[in-house]
Amino acid sequence: DVREKLIPLVLSIAPAEEDEVQFAIAEILENYVPVVGGGEYAHLILKILEAMCTAEETVVRDRTAKAFSKVVTEMQWSAESSTICLEILSNLSKGAWFTEKVLASNMYAAVYLK
C-alpha cells in the first residue's frame, strides 16, 4: 500500500538524497495526491516535502515549496491535515536560517486560501 509502505520509505530516504534526486522527488510528489488516496490523505505528502525544505540548493527548496502549495490546494482541510500543515509552516517560520523563513513565506499563500 502506498500510504503504509511507499510514503515512509520516501520520507526516510528523500532528505539524504542528492539535489537532483530531491528536485525530482518534489516534482513527482506535486502530482501524487491521487496516488495516496486523494485529498483526504494529501497531508502524508507534506511530511516528505517538509523534510526536503532545508535542502542546501535553492532550486530544490523552490521546487519543494511549489509542490507543497499544489498539494495543499488539493488537500481536504480536516483537523489533522490543517494541524500538520500549520505545524510545518510554523517550524519553517521559526527556523534558524533565513532561507527557511523565506520558504515558509512562499508557502503561506496556498494555506491562507484554504
Protein backbone atom coordinates (compact mmCIF):
# COMPACT_ATOMS: atom_id res chain seq x y z
CA ASP A 1 0.00 0.00 0.00
CA VAL A 2 1.30 3.42 -0.95
CA ARG A 3 0.38 5.10 2.34
CA GLU A 4 1.80 2.34 4.54
CA LYS A 5 4.97 1.42 2.66
CA LEU A 6 6.00 3.89 -0.02
CA ILE A 7 5.42 7.16 1.86
CA PRO A 8 7.51 6.08 4.91
CA LEU A 9 10.24 4.80 2.59
CA VAL A 10 10.45 8.03 0.62
CA LEU A 11 10.33 10.02 3.87
CA SER A 12 13.31 8.09 5.19
CA ILE A 13 15.49 8.46 2.08
CA ALA A 14 14.50 11.78 0.46
CA PRO A 15 16.27 14.19 2.85
CA ALA A 16 19.65 12.50 2.32
CA GLU A 17 19.47 12.26 -1.47
CA GLU A 18 21.41 14.35 -3.96
CA ASP A 19 19.93 17.66 -5.06
CA GLU A 20 18.84 16.36 -8.46
CA VAL A 21 17.02 13.44 -6.84
CA GLN A 22 15.30 15.70 -4.30
CA PHE A 23 14.19 18.00 -7.11
CA ALA A 24 12.72 15.02 -8.98
CA ILE A 25 11.00 13.73 -5.83
CA ALA A 26 9.36 17.12 -5.25
CA GLU A 27 8.30 17.24 -8.88
CA ILE A 28 6.70 13.80 -8.66
CA LEU A 29 5.06 14.39 -5.27
CA GLU A 30 3.37 17.51 -6.61
CA ASN A 31 1.09 15.22 -8.62
CA TYR A 32 0.91 12.39 -6.11
CA VAL A 33 -2.34 13.28 -4.30
CA PRO A 34 -4.46 10.81 -6.31
CA VAL A 35 -1.88 8.07 -5.73
CA VAL A 36 -2.07 8.36 -1.92
CA GLY A 37 -5.86 8.16 -1.99
CA GLY A 38 -6.93 11.72 -2.73
CA GLY A 39 -7.17 14.92 -0.75
CA GLU A 40 -8.06 13.11 2.45
CA TYR A 41 -4.52 11.70 2.62
CA ALA A 42 -2.59 14.54 0.97
CA HIS A 43 -1.11 15.58 4.32
CA LEU A 44 1.10 12.48 4.16
CA ILE A 45 2.94 14.01 1.21
CA LEU A 46 3.54 17.21 3.16
CA LYS A 47 5.73 15.35 5.66
CA ILE A 48 8.12 14.32 2.89
CA LEU A 49 8.19 17.83 1.47
CA GLU A 50 8.87 19.25 4.92
CA ALA A 51 11.92 17.03 5.21
CA MET A 52 13.26 18.47 1.96
CA CYS A 53 12.58 22.13 2.79
CA THR A 54 16.00 22.60 4.32
CA ALA A 55 17.94 21.40 1.30
CA GLU A 56 21.06 23.40 0.55
CA GLU A 57 20.23 24.01 -3.08
CA THR A 58 17.83 26.88 -3.80
CA VAL A 59 16.20 25.13 -6.76
CA VAL A 60 15.29 22.17 -4.54
CA ARG A 61 13.75 24.42 -1.88
CA ASP A 62 11.81 26.39 -4.51
CA ARG A 63 10.53 23.20 -6.16
CA THR A 64 9.57 21.82 -2.76
CA ALA A 65 7.62 25.00 -1.94
CA LYS A 66 5.82 24.79 -5.28
CA ALA A 67 4.93 21.14 -4.66
CA PHE A 68 3.79 21.95 -1.10
CA SER A 69 1.48 24.67 -2.39
CA LYS A 70 -0.05 22.42 -5.04
CA VAL A 71 -0.62 19.57 -2.58
CA VAL A 72 -2.26 21.98 -0.12
CA THR A 73 -4.68 23.16 -2.81
CA GLU A 74 -5.76 19.55 -3.39
CA MET A 75 -5.87 18.62 0.29
CA GLN A 76 -9.11 18.13 2.18
CA TRP A 77 -8.94 20.53 5.10
CA SER A 78 -9.56 18.50 8.27
CA ALA A 79 -8.38 18.92 11.85
CA GLU A 80 -5.49 16.52 11.26
CA SER A 81 -4.36 17.91 7.91
CA SER A 82 -4.64 21.53 9.00
CA THR A 83 -2.62 20.83 12.14
CA ILE A 84 0.13 19.13 10.14
CA CYS A 85 0.19 21.87 7.54
CA LEU A 86 0.28 24.71 10.06
CA GLU A 87 2.97 22.97 12.13
CA ILE A 88 5.17 22.68 9.06
CA LEU A 89 4.78 26.38 8.30
CA SER A 90 5.34 27.30 11.92
CA ASN A 91 8.52 25.21 12.14
CA LEU A 92 9.89 26.77 8.97
CA SER A 93 8.95 30.28 10.11
CA LYS A 94 10.84 29.74 13.35
CA GLY A 95 13.82 28.14 11.62
CA ALA A 96 17.34 29.21 12.38
CA TRP A 97 18.12 30.11 8.78
CA PHE A 98 16.75 32.97 6.72
CA THR A 99 16.14 30.57 3.84
CA GLU A 100 13.60 28.61 5.90
CA LYS A 101 11.69 31.78 6.70
CA VAL A 102 11.64 32.82 3.03
CA LEU A 103 10.44 29.37 2.03
CA ALA A 104 7.63 29.50 4.59
CA SER A 105 6.54 32.90 3.29
CA ASN A 106 6.27 31.41 -0.20
CA MET A 107 4.05 28.62 1.11
CA TYR A 108 1.65 30.65 3.27
CA ALA A 109 -0.48 31.83 0.34
CA ALA A 110 -1.73 28.34 -0.50
CA VAL A 111 -2.63 27.69 3.12
CA TYR A 112 -4.32 31.06 3.52
CA LEU A 113 -6.58 30.33 0.54
CA LYS A 114 -7.79 27.14 2.23
